[in-house]
Amino acid sequence: MTERRPGQWPVVTPVELAESDEQGEQHLALTKAQAAWVMPLESIRVHLGEQPSIASIRTTERRLKAEIGNLADAAVRQLKKAG
């Protein structure tokens, strides 16, 4: 119970912050990728609400699936570049 880990309070030996910068960049990249999904999902909701016919819903579904796929591919490429 009295065992201390690096960076734990009270700080006796400070932890090098350079190591956590890489984690911060990865977290930022993931946050941006997750935020990129918000707009397509909201777009899906709006399109489905405005276009009530079955055919138009299916057309919108195919179009939005393609858009989401493109966003996912872009996010994967960005994460591969960062990591």
PDB file of N, CA and C in Angstrom:
ATOM      1  N   MET A   1       0.813  -1.188   0.000  1.00  0.00           N
ATOM      2  CA  MET A   1       0.000   0.000   0.000  1.00  0.00           C
ATOM      3  C   MET A   1       0.861   1.259   0.000  1.00  0.00           C
ATOM      4  N   THR A   2       2.058   1.153   0.528  1.00  0.00           N
ATOM      5  CA  THR A   2       2.931   2.328   0.559  1.00  0.00           C
ATOM      6  C   THR A   2       3.813   2.409  -0.686  1.00  0.00           C
ATOM      7  N   GLU A   3       3.662   1.466  -1.596  1.00  0.00           N
ATOM      8  CA  GLU A   3       4.467   1.467  -2.814  1.00  0.00           C
ATOM      9  C   GLU A   3       4.069   2.650  -3.704  1.00  0.00           C
ATOM     10  N   ARG A   4       5.068   3.344  -4.210  1.00  0.00           N
ATOM     11  CA  ARG A   4       4.800   4.515  -5.057  1.00  0.00           C
ATOM     12  C   ARG A   4       5.106   4.188  -6.511  1.00  0.00           C
ATOM     13  N   ARG A   5       4.294   4.761  -7.366  1.00  0.00           N
ATOM     14  CA  ARG A   5       4.520   4.633  -8.799  1.00  0.00           C
ATOM     15  C   ARG A   5       4.967   5.989  -9.339  1.00  0.00           C
ATOM     16  N   PRO A   6       5.727   6.008 -10.432  1.00  0.00           N
ATOM     17  CA  PRO A   6       6.170   7.283 -11.002  1.00  0.00           C
ATOM     18  C   PRO A   6       4.981   8.173 -11.361  1.00  0.00           C
ATOM     19  N   GLY A   7       5.071   9.438 -10.990  1.00  0.00           N
ATOM     20  CA  GLY A   7       4.028  10.401 -11.310  1.00  0.00           C
ATOM     21  C   GLY A   7       2.891  10.452 -10.320  1.00  0.00           C
ATOM     22  N   GLN A   8       2.906   9.603  -9.319  1.00  0.00           N
ATOM     23  CA  GLN A   8       1.832   9.564  -8.331  1.00  0.00           C
ATOM     24  C   GLN A   8       2.060  10.663  -7.292  1.00  0.00           C
ATOM     25  N   TRP A   9       0.981  11.217  -6.766  1.00  0.00           N
ATOM     26  CA  TRP A   9       1.094  12.278  -5.768  1.00  0.00           C
ATOM     27  C   TRP A   9       1.414  11.713  -4.407  1.00  0.00           C
ATOM     28  N   PRO A  10       2.175  12.344  -3.567  1.00  0.00           N
ATOM     29  CA  PRO A  10       2.999  13.515  -3.854  1.00  0.00           C
ATOM     30  C   PRO A  10       4.172  13.106  -4.727  1.00  0.00           C
ATOM     31  N   VAL A  11       4.512  13.968  -5.654  1.00  0.00           N
ATOM     32  CA  VAL A  11       5.558  13.664  -6.626  1.00  0.00           C
ATOM     33  C   VAL A  11       6.920  13.853  -5.979  1.00  0.00           C
ATOM     34  N   VAL A  12       7.636  12.758  -5.865  1.00  0.00           N
ATOM     35  CA  VAL A  12       8.997  12.793  -5.346  1.00  0.00           C
ATOM     36  C   VAL A  12       9.966  12.843  -6.530  1.00  0.00           C
ATOM     37  N   THR A  13       9.705  12.006  -7.520  1.00  0.00           N
ATOM     38  CA  THR A  13      10.510  11.975  -8.735  1.00  0.00           C
ATOM     39  C   THR A  13       9.590  12.266  -9.918  1.00  0.00           C
ATOM     40  N   PRO A  14       9.711  13.436 -10.548  1.00  0.00           N
ATOM     41  CA  PRO A  14       8.815  13.764 -11.657  1.00  0.00           C
ATOM     42  C   PRO A  14       8.991  12.812 -12.839  1.00  0.00           C
ATOM     43  N   VAL A  15       7.917  12.567 -13.524  1.00  0.00           N
ATOM     44  CA  VAL A  15       7.937  11.703 -14.704  1.00  0.00           C
ATOM     45  C   VAL A  15       8.246  12.565 -15.920  1.00  0.00           C
ATOM     46  N   GLU A  16       9.013  12.036 -16.831  1.00  0.00           N
ATOM     47  CA  GLU A  16       9.344  12.732 -18.076  1.00  0.00           C
ATOM     48  C   GLU A  16       8.070  12.900 -18.901  1.00  0.00           C
ATOM     49  N   LEU A  17       7.743  14.130 -19.281  1.00  0.00           N
ATOM     50  CA  LEU A  17       6.513  14.403 -20.023  1.00  0.00           C
ATOM     51  C   LEU A  17       6.642  14.111 -21.510  1.00  0.00           C
ATOM     52  N   ALA A  18       7.835  13.984 -22.013  1.00  0.00           N
ATOM     53  CA  ALA A  18       8.033  13.721 -23.438  1.00  0.00           C
ATOM     54  C   ALA A  18       7.379  12.411 -23.849  1.00  0.00           C
ATOM     55  N   GLU A  19       7.344  11.433 -22.957  1.00  0.00           N
ATOM     56  CA  GLU A  19       6.720  10.153 -23.270  1.00  0.00           C
ATOM     57  C   GLU A  19       5.218  10.310 -23.472  1.00  0.00           C
ATOM     58  N   SER A  20       4.594  11.174 -22.680  1.00  0.00           N
ATOM     59  CA  SER A  20       3.149  11.323 -22.757  1.00  0.00           C
ATOM     60  C   SER A  20       2.720  12.180 -23.943  1.00  0.00           C
ATOM     61  N   ASP A  21       3.641  12.938 -24.569  1.00  0.00           N
ATOM     62  CA  ASP A  21       3.280  13.739 -25.739  1.00  0.00           C
ATOM     63  C   ASP A  21       2.788  12.863 -26.882  1.00  0.00           C
ATOM     64  N   GLU A  22       3.439  11.718 -27.083  1.00  0.00           N
ATOM     65  CA  GLU A  22       3.018  10.804 -28.145  1.00  0.00           C
ATOM     66  C   GLU A  22       1.614  10.287 -27.862  1.00  0.00           C
ATOM     67  N   GLN A  23       1.346   9.966 -26.603  1.00  0.00           N
ATOM     68  CA  GLN A  23       0.006   9.507 -26.236  1.00  0.00           C
ATOM     69  C   GLN A  23      -1.008  10.621 -26.443  1.00  0.00           C
ATOM     70  N   GLY A  24      -0.622  11.850 -26.144  1.00  0.00           N
ATOM     71  CA  GLY A  24      -1.516  12.986 -26.341  1.00  0.00           C
ATOM     72  C   GLY A  24      -1.847  13.189 -27.808  1.00  0.00           C
ATOM     73  N   GLU A  25      -0.851  13.013 -28.676  1.00  0.00           N
ATOM     74  CA  GLU A  25      -1.082  13.145 -30.113  1.00  0.00           C
ATOM     75  C   GLU A  25      -2.001  12.038 -30.612  1.00  0.00           C
ATOM     76  N   GLN A  26      -1.807  10.827 -30.111  1.00  0.00           N
ATOM     77  CA  GLN A  26      -2.681   9.718 -30.502  1.00  0.00           C
ATOM     78  C   GLN A  26      -4.101   9.972 -30.023  1.00  0.00           C
ATOM     79  N   HIS A  27      -4.228  10.473 -28.796  1.00  0.00           N
ATOM     80  CA  HIS A  27      -5.555  10.776 -28.256  1.00  0.00           C
ATOM     81  C   HIS A  27      -6.232  11.858 -29.090  1.00  0.00           C
ATOM     82  N   LEU A  28      -5.469  12.873 -29.476  1.00  0.00           N
ATOM     83  CA  LEU A  28      -6.016  13.952 -30.297  1.00  0.00           C
ATOM     84  C   LEU A  28      -6.462  13.421 -31.658  1.00  0.00           C
ATOM     85  N   ALA A  29      -5.659  12.554 -32.261  1.00  0.00           N
ATOM     86  CA  ALA A  29      -6.019  11.973 -33.559  1.00  0.00           C
ATOM     87  C   ALA A  29      -7.288  11.142 -33.444  1.00  0.00           C
ATOM     88  N   LEU A  30      -7.400  10.353 -32.370  1.00  0.00           N
ATOM     89  CA  LEU A  30      -8.607   9.548 -32.172  1.00  0.00           C
ATOM     90  C   LEU A  30      -9.823  10.425 -31.916  1.00  0.00           C
ATOM     91  N   THR A  31      -9.647  11.498 -31.158  1.00  0.00           N
ATOM     92  CA  THR A  31     -10.755  12.415 -30.886  1.00  0.00           C
ATOM     93  C   THR A  31     -11.232  13.070 -32.172  1.00  0.00           C
ATOM     94  N   LYS A  32     -10.287  13.473 -33.026  1.00  0.00           N
ATOM     95  CA  LYS A  32     -10.664  14.062 -34.312  1.00  0.00           C
ATOM     96  C   LYS A  32     -11.399  13.044 -35.180  1.00  0.00           C
ATOM     97  N   ALA A  33     -10.928  11.795 -35.174  1.00  0.00           N
ATOM     98  CA  ALA A  33     -11.585  10.758 -35.972  1.00  0.00           C
ATOM     99  C   ALA A  33     -13.003  10.507 -35.472  1.00  0.00           C
ATOM    100  N   GLN A  34     -13.181  10.479 -34.144  1.00  0.00           N
ATOM    101  CA  GLN A  34     -14.520  10.279 -33.586  1.00  0.00           C
ATOM    102  C   GLN A  34     -15.418  11.457 -33.906  1.00  0.00           C
ATOM    103  N   ALA A  35     -14.867  12.662 -33.861  1.00  0.00           N
ATOM    104  CA  ALA A  35     -15.670  13.848 -34.174  1.00  0.00           C
ATOM    105  C   ALA A  35     -16.093  13.846 -35.638  1.00  0.00           C
ATOM    106  N   ALA A  36     -15.267  13.264 -36.498  1.00  0.00           N
ATOM    107  CA  ALA A  36     -15.608  13.199 -37.916  1.00  0.00           C
ATOM    108  C   ALA A  36     -16.834  12.325 -38.161  1.00  0.00           C
ATOM    109  N   TRP A  37     -17.144  11.432 -37.228  1.00  0.00           N
ATOM    110  CA  TRP A  37     -18.321  10.564 -37.379  1.00  0.00           C
ATOM    111  C   TRP A  37     -19.607  11.284 -36.999  1.00  0.00           C
ATOM    112  N   VAL A  38     -19.509  12.331 -36.204  1.00  0.00           N
ATOM    113  CA  VAL A  38     -20.709  13.018 -35.720  1.00  0.00           C
ATOM    114  C   VAL A  38     -21.506  13.603 -36.881  1.00  0.00           C
ATOM    115  N   MET A  39     -20.831  14.264 -37.801  1.00  0.00           N
ATOM    116  CA  MET A  39     -21.539  14.890 -38.921  1.00  0.00           C
ATOM    117  C   MET A  39     -22.236  13.870 -39.815  1.00  0.00           C
ATOM    118  N   PRO A  40     -21.583  12.772 -40.231  1.00  0.00           N
ATOM    119  CA  PRO A  40     -22.307  11.799 -41.057  1.00  0.00           C
ATOM    120  C   PRO A  40     -23.495  11.176 -40.328  1.00  0.00           C
ATOM    121  N   LEU A  41     -23.334  10.888 -39.045  1.00  0.00           N
ATOM    122  CA  LEU A  41     -24.447  10.284 -38.317  1.00  0.00           C
ATOM    123  C   LEU A  41     -25.612  11.253 -38.185  1.00  0.00           C
ATOM    124  N   GLU A  42     -25.320  12.515 -37.946  1.00  0.00           N
ATOM    125  CA  GLU A  42     -26.376  13.522 -37.887  1.00  0.00           C
ATOM    126  C   GLU A  42     -27.001  13.699 -39.265  1.00  0.00           C
ATOM    127  N   SER A  43     -26.179  13.628 -40.293  1.00  0.00           N
ATOM    128  CA  SER A  43     -26.678  13.734 -41.664  1.00  0.00           C
ATOM    129  C   SER A  43     -27.628  12.582 -41.980  1.00  0.00           C
ATOM    130  N   ILE A  44     -27.293  11.389 -41.520  1.00  0.00           N
ATOM    131  CA  ILE A  44     -28.173  10.232 -41.718  1.00  0.00           C
ATOM    132  C   ILE A  44     -29.526  10.497 -41.080  1.00  0.00           C
ATOM    133  N   ARG A  45     -29.510  10.972 -39.851  1.00  0.00           N
ATOM    134  CA  ARG A  45     -30.765  11.232 -39.143  1.00  0.00           C
ATOM    135  C   ARG A  45     -31.607  12.262 -39.886  1.00  0.00           C
ATOM    136  N   VAL A  46     -30.985  13.338 -40.332  1.00  0.00           N
ATOM    137  CA  VAL A  46     -31.711  14.400 -41.033  1.00  0.00           C
ATOM    138  C   VAL A  46     -32.264  13.891 -42.359  1.00  0.00           C
ATOM    139  N   HIS A  47     -31.437  13.186 -43.133  1.00  0.00           N
ATOM    140  CA  HIS A  47     -31.890  12.684 -44.428  1.00  0.00           C
ATOM    141  C   HIS A  47     -33.038  11.697 -44.285  1.00  0.00           C
ATOM    142  N   LEU A  48     -32.942  10.822 -43.310  1.00  0.00           N
ATOM    143  CA  LEU A  48     -34.019   9.848 -43.123  1.00  0.00           C
ATOM    144  C   LEU A  48     -35.307  10.531 -42.677  1.00  0.00           C
ATOM    145  N   GLY A  49     -35.187  11.587 -41.895  1.00  0.00           N
ATOM    146  CA  GLY A  49     -36.372  12.326 -41.460  1.00  0.00           C
ATOM    147  C   GLY A  49     -37.025  13.102 -42.587  1.00  0.00           C
ATOM    148  N   GLU A  50     -36.229  13.586 -43.537  1.00  0.00           N
ATOM    149  CA  GLU A  50     -36.754  14.391 -44.638  1.00  0.00           C
ATOM    150  C   GLU A  50     -37.243  13.547 -45.807  1.00  0.00           C
ATOM    151  N   GLN A  51     -36.777  12.323 -45.925  1.00  0.00           N
ATOM    152  CA  GLN A  51     -37.098  11.495 -47.089  1.00  0.00           C
ATOM    153  C   GLN A  51     -37.798  10.216 -46.633  1.00  0.00           C
ATOM    154  N   PRO A  52     -39.117  10.255 -46.501  1.00  0.00           N
ATOM    155  CA  PRO A  52     -39.827   9.138 -45.902  1.00  0.00           C
ATOM    156  C   PRO A  52     -40.066   7.924 -46.797  1.00  0.00           C
ATOM    157  N   SER A  53     -39.876   8.014 -48.118  1.00  0.00           N
ATOM    158  CA  SER A  53     -40.174   6.844 -48.948  1.00  0.00           C
ATOM    159  C   SER A  53     -39.086   5.787 -48.782  1.00  0.00           C
ATOM    160  N   ILE A  54     -39.457   4.536 -48.975  1.00  0.00           N
ATOM    161  CA  ILE A  54     -38.515   3.423 -48.798  1.00  0.00           C
ATOM    162  C   ILE A  54     -37.371   3.521 -49.801  1.00  0.00           C
ATOM    163  N   ALA A  55     -37.686   3.829 -51.041  1.00  0.00           N
ATOM    164  CA  ALA A  55     -36.642   3.917 -52.073  1.00  0.00           C
ATOM    165  C   ALA A  55     -35.646   5.033 -51.755  1.00  0.00           C
ATOM    166  N   SER A  56     -36.153   6.180 -51.332  1.00  0.00           N
ATOM    167  CA  SER A  56     -35.239   7.288 -51.037  1.00  0.00           C
ATOM    168  C   SER A  56     -34.412   7.007 -49.787  1.00  0.00           C
ATOM    169  N   ILE A  57     -34.992   6.290 -48.835  1.00  0.00           N
ATOM    170  CA  ILE A  57     -34.237   5.905 -47.634  1.00  0.00           C
ATOM    171  C   ILE A  57     -33.102   4.965 -48.015  1.00  0.00           C
ATOM    172  N   ARG A  58     -33.371   3.987 -48.877  1.00  0.00           N
ATOM    173  CA  ARG A  58     -32.326   3.043 -49.310  1.00  0.00           C
ATOM    174  C   ARG A  58     -31.240   3.760 -50.121  1.00  0.00           C
ATOM    175  N   THR A  59     -31.640   4.701 -50.961  1.00  0.00           N
ATOM    176  CA  THR A  59     -30.668   5.473 -51.736  1.00  0.00           C
ATOM    177  C   THR A  59     -29.776   6.281 -50.806  1.00  0.00           C
ATOM    178  N   THR A  60     -30.399   6.924 -49.842  1.00  0.00           N
ATOM    179  CA  THR A  60     -29.639   7.705 -48.862  1.00  0.00           C
ATOM    180  C   THR A  60     -28.712   6.798 -48.063  1.00  0.00           C
ATOM    181  N   GLU A  61     -29.198   5.620 -47.705  1.00  0.00           N
ATOM    182  CA  GLU A  61     -28.381   4.661 -46.954  1.00  0.00           C
ATOM    183  C   GLU A  61     -27.124   4.296 -47.739  1.00  0.00           C
ATOM    184  N   ARG A  62     -27.279   3.976 -49.022  1.00  0.00           N
ATOM    185  CA  ARG A  62     -26.115   3.603 -49.843  1.00  0.00           C
ATOM    186  C   ARG A  62     -25.128   4.764 -49.968  1.00  0.00           C
ATOM    187  N   ARG A  63     -25.647   5.962 -50.180  1.00  0.00           N
ATOM    188  CA  ARG A  63     -24.786   7.134 -50.326  1.00  0.00           C
ATOM    189  C   ARG A  63     -24.024   7.418 -49.029  1.00  0.00           C
ATOM    190  N   LEU A  64     -24.741   7.352 -47.906  1.00  0.00           N
ATOM    191  CA  LEU A  64     -24.105   7.651 -46.623  1.00  0.00           C
ATOM    192  C   LEU A  64     -23.124   6.557 -46.207  1.00  0.00           C
ATOM    193  N   LYS A  65     -23.420   5.296 -46.557  1.00  0.00           N
ATOM    194  CA  LYS A  65     -22.461   4.224 -46.276  1.00  0.00           C
ATOM    195  C   LYS A  65     -21.151   4.488 -47.008  1.00  0.00           C
ATOM    196  N   ALA A  66     -21.260   4.942 -48.243  1.00  0.00           N
ATOM    197  CA  ALA A  66     -20.054   5.258 -49.015  1.00  0.00           C
ATOM    198  C   ALA A  66     -19.294   6.413 -48.365  1.00  0.00           C
ATOM    199  N   GLU A  67     -20.010   7.443 -47.929  1.00  0.00           N
ATOM    200  CA  GLU A  67     -19.361   8.582 -47.267  1.00  0.00           C
ATOM    201  C   GLU A  67     -18.673   8.146 -45.978  1.00  0.00           C
ATOM    202  N   ILE A  68     -19.355   7.314 -45.191  1.00  0.00           N
ATOM    203  CA  ILE A  68     -18.779   6.829 -43.931  1.00  0.00           C
ATOM    204  C   ILE A  68     -17.549   5.970 -44.210  1.00  0.00           C
ATOM    205  N   GLY A  69     -17.626   5.131 -45.228  1.00  0.00           N
ATOM    206  CA  GLY A  69     -16.470   4.322 -45.607  1.00  0.00           C
ATOM    207  C   GLY A  69     -15.278   5.180 -45.980  1.00  0.00           C
ATOM    208  N   ASN A  70     -15.534   6.250 -46.735  1.00  0.00           N
ATOM    209  CA  ASN A  70     -14.453   7.166 -47.109  1.00  0.00           C
ATOM    210  C   ASN A  70     -13.862   7.847 -45.882  1.00  0.00           C
ATOM    211  N   LEU A  71     -14.716   8.261 -44.941  1.00  0.00           N
ATOM    212  CA  LEU A  71     -14.217   8.880 -43.703  1.00  0.00           C
ATOM    213  C   LEU A  71     -13.387   7.893 -42.893  1.00  0.00           C
ATOM    214  N   ALA A  72     -13.855   6.653 -42.812  1.00  0.00           N
ATOM    215  CA  ALA A  72     -13.119   5.637 -42.058  1.00  0.00           C
ATOM    216  C   ALA A  72     -11.755   5.386 -42.692  1.00  0.00           C
ATOM    217  N   ASP A  73     -11.723   5.292 -44.018  1.00  0.00           N
ATOM    218  CA  ASP A  73     -10.447   5.092 -44.706  1.00  0.00           C
ATOM    219  C   ASP A  73      -9.493   6.253 -44.450  1.00  0.00           C
ATOM    220  N   ALA A  74     -10.023   7.472 -44.487  1.00  0.00           N
ATOM    221  CA  ALA A  74      -9.185   8.650 -44.231  1.00  0.00           C
ATOM    222  C   ALA A  74      -8.662   8.646 -42.797  1.00  0.00           C
ATOM    223  N   ALA A  75      -9.511   8.252 -41.838  1.00  0.00           N
ATOM    224  CA  ALA A  75      -9.086   8.200 -40.435  1.00  0.00           C
ATOM    225  C   ALA A  75      -7.998   7.154 -40.242  1.00  0.00           C
ATOM    226  N   VAL A  76      -8.148   6.006 -40.897  1.00  0.00           N
ATOM    227  CA  VAL A  76      -7.137   4.948 -40.784  1.00  0.00           C
ATOM    228  C   VAL A  76      -5.812   5.420 -41.371  1.00  0.00           C
ATOM    229  N   ARG A  77      -5.874   6.078 -42.533  1.00  0.00           N
ATOM    230  CA  ARG A  77      -4.635   6.595 -43.139  1.00  0.00           C
ATOM    231  C   ARG A  77      -3.966   7.607 -42.220  1.00  0.00           C
ATOM    232  N   GLN A  78      -4.767   8.473 -41.596  1.00  0.00           N
ATOM    233  CA  GLN A  78      -4.220   9.492 -40.696  1.00  0.00           C
ATOM    234  C   GLN A  78      -3.575   8.841 -39.475  1.00  0.00           C
ATOM    235  N   LEU A  79      -4.224   7.828 -38.915  1.00  0.00           N
ATOM    236  CA  LEU A  79      -3.664   7.150 -37.745  1.00  0.00           C
ATOM    237  C   LEU A  79      -2.391   6.391 -38.102  1.00  0.00           C
ATOM    238  N   LYS A  80      -2.344   5.816 -39.298  1.00  0.00           N
ATOM    239  CA  LYS A  80      -1.127   5.115 -39.718  1.00  0.00           C
ATOM    240  C   LYS A  80       0.031   6.090 -39.882  1.00  0.00           C
ATOM    241  N   LYS A  81      -0.262   7.297 -40.401  1.00  0.00           N
ATOM    242  CA  LYS A  81       0.786   8.308 -40.537  1.00  0.00           C
ATOM    243  C   LYS A  81       1.280   8.758 -39.168  1.00  0.00           C
ATOM    244  N   ALA A  82       0.338   8.921 -38.210  1.00  0.00           N
ATOM    245  CA  ALA A  82       0.699   9.403 -36.873  1.00  0.00           C
ATOM    246  C   ALA A  82       1.424   8.328 -36.072  1.00  0.00           C
ATOM    247  N   GLY A  83       1.064   7.087 -36.280  1.00  0.00           N
ATOM    248  CA  GLY A  83       1.568   6.039 -35.411  1.00  0.00           C
ATOM    249  C   GLY A  83       2.625   5.228 -36.007  1.00  0.00           C
TER     250      GLY A  83
END
